[in-house]
C-alpha atoms as a PDB file:
ATOM      1  CA  MET A   1       3.229   5.788  10.984  1.00  0.00           C
ATOM      2  CA  LYS A   2       4.644   6.597   7.568  1.00  0.00           C
ATOM      3  CA  ILE A   3       4.190   4.480   4.460  1.00  0.00           C
ATOM      4  CA  VAL A   4       6.835   4.185   1.773  1.00  0.00           C
ATOM      5  CA  ILE A   5       6.141   2.422  -1.505  1.00  0.00           C
ATOM      6  CA  ASP A   6       8.515   1.202  -4.175  1.00  0.00           C
ATOM      7  CA  GLN A   7       6.622   1.450  -7.447  1.00  0.00           C
ATOM      8  CA  ASP A   8       9.476  -0.273  -9.277  1.00  0.00           C
ATOM      9  CA  ARG A   9       8.922  -3.435  -7.212  1.00  0.00           C
ATOM     10  CA  CYS A  10       5.120  -3.400  -7.486  1.00  0.00           C
ATOM     11  CA  ILE A  11       3.662  -6.223  -9.572  1.00  0.00           C
ATOM     12  CA  ALA A  12       0.129  -4.766  -9.593  1.00  0.00           C
ATOM     13  CA  SER A  13      -1.540  -7.577  -7.652  1.00  0.00           C
ATOM     14  CA  GLY A  14      -3.951  -5.182  -5.931  1.00  0.00           C
ATOM     15  CA  GLN A  15      -3.726  -6.807  -2.510  1.00  0.00           C
ATOM     16  CA  CYS A  16      -3.013  -3.451  -0.870  1.00  0.00           C
ATOM     17  CA  VAL A  17      -6.071  -1.828  -2.455  1.00  0.00           C
ATOM     18  CA  SER A  18      -8.241  -4.717  -1.316  1.00  0.00           C
ATOM     19  CA  ALA A  19      -6.907  -4.362   2.222  1.00  0.00           C
ATOM     20  CA  VAL A  20      -7.040  -0.547   2.583  1.00  0.00           C
ATOM     21  CA  GLY A  21      -8.632   1.294  -0.304  1.00  0.00           C
ATOM     22  CA  GLU A  22      -8.506   4.522   1.704  1.00  0.00           C
ATOM     23  CA  VAL A  23      -4.704   4.473   1.602  1.00  0.00           C
ATOM     24  CA  PHE A  24      -3.779   2.655  -1.616  1.00  0.00           C
ATOM     25  CA  ASP A  25      -4.982   2.773  -5.203  1.00  0.00           C
ATOM     26  CA  GLN A  26      -3.690   1.539  -8.557  1.00  0.00           C
ATOM     27  CA  ARG A  27      -2.777   3.408 -11.715  1.00  0.00           C
ATOM     28  CA  ASP A  28      -5.273   2.829 -14.502  1.00  0.00           C
ATOM     29  CA  GLU A  29      -2.664   2.232 -17.184  1.00  0.00           C
ATOM     30  CA  ASP A  30      -0.633  -0.516 -15.486  1.00  0.00           C
ATOM     31  CA  GLY A  31      -2.075  -1.288 -12.049  1.00  0.00           C
ATOM     32  CA  VAL A  32       0.989  -0.121 -10.126  1.00  0.00           C
ATOM     33  CA  VAL A  33       0.292   1.017  -6.575  1.00  0.00           C
ATOM     34  CA  VAL A  34      -0.440   4.670  -5.856  1.00  0.00           C
ATOM     35  CA  LEU A  35      -0.183   5.953  -2.303  1.00  0.00           C
ATOM     36  CA  LEU A  36      -3.190   8.093  -1.440  1.00  0.00           C
ATOM     37  CA  ASP A  37      -2.232   8.845   2.176  1.00  0.00           C
ATOM     38  CA  PRO A  38       1.424   8.512   3.296  1.00  0.00           C
ATOM     39  CA  THR A  39       0.488   9.183   6.936  1.00  0.00           C
ATOM     40  CA  PRO A  40      -2.880   7.494   7.539  1.00  0.00           C
ATOM     41  CA  PRO A  41      -4.860   7.865  10.766  1.00  0.00           C
ATOM     42  CA  ALA A  42      -4.164   5.512  13.652  1.00  0.00           C
ATOM     43  CA  ASP A  43      -7.409   3.591  13.149  1.00  0.00           C
ATOM     44  CA  LEU A  44      -6.063   2.281   9.821  1.00  0.00           C
ATOM     45  CA  ALA A  45      -2.669   1.221  11.204  1.00  0.00           C
ATOM     46  CA  ALA A  46      -3.483  -2.484  11.554  1.00  0.00           C
ATOM     47  CA  ALA A  47      -4.955  -2.660   8.053  1.00  0.00           C
ATOM     48  CA  VAL A  48      -1.938  -0.871   6.566  1.00  0.00           C
ATOM     49  CA  ARG A  49       0.448  -3.278   8.281  1.00  0.00           C
ATOM     50  CA  GLN A  50      -1.609  -6.177   6.921  1.00  0.00           C
ATOM     51  CA  ALA A  51      -1.466  -4.692   3.416  1.00  0.00           C
ATOM     52  CA  ALA A  52       2.323  -4.475   3.661  1.00  0.00           C
ATOM     53  CA  ALA A  53       2.505  -8.051   4.921  1.00  0.00           C
ATOM     54  CA  VAL A  54       0.413  -9.487   2.070  1.00  0.00           C
ATOM     55  CA  CYS A  55       2.164  -7.557  -0.701  1.00  0.00           C
ATOM     56  CA  PRO A  56       3.756 -10.307  -2.828  1.00  0.00           C
ATOM     57  CA  ALA A  57       6.457  -7.955  -4.124  1.00  0.00           C
ATOM     58  CA  ARG A  58       7.247  -6.412  -0.732  1.00  0.00           C
ATOM     59  CA  ALA A  59       6.742  -3.006  -2.349  1.00  0.00           C
ATOM     60  CA  ILE A  60       5.230  -1.445   0.806  1.00  0.00           C
ATOM     61  CA  ARG A  61       7.251  -0.456   3.847  1.00  0.00           C
ATOM     62  CA  VAL A  62       5.747   0.859   7.087  1.00  0.00           C
ATOM     63  CA  GLU A  63       7.920   3.119   9.228  1.00  0.00           C
ATOM     64  CA  GLU A  64       6.865   3.742  12.803  1.00  0.00           C
END
């Protein structure tokens, strides 16, 4: 699993951070998503997919 984010699309809703704080964070100055782990462990795969699914801006893409 590889995660790709599009910071230009991010609207800083924080849904990804709420879903998987181990993988996603937000910049202090504007709340835009920051990817902490582009290749997270398998035990976080379901949560990462959920984070991508709930992102209102579709700024997160999961590549298998």
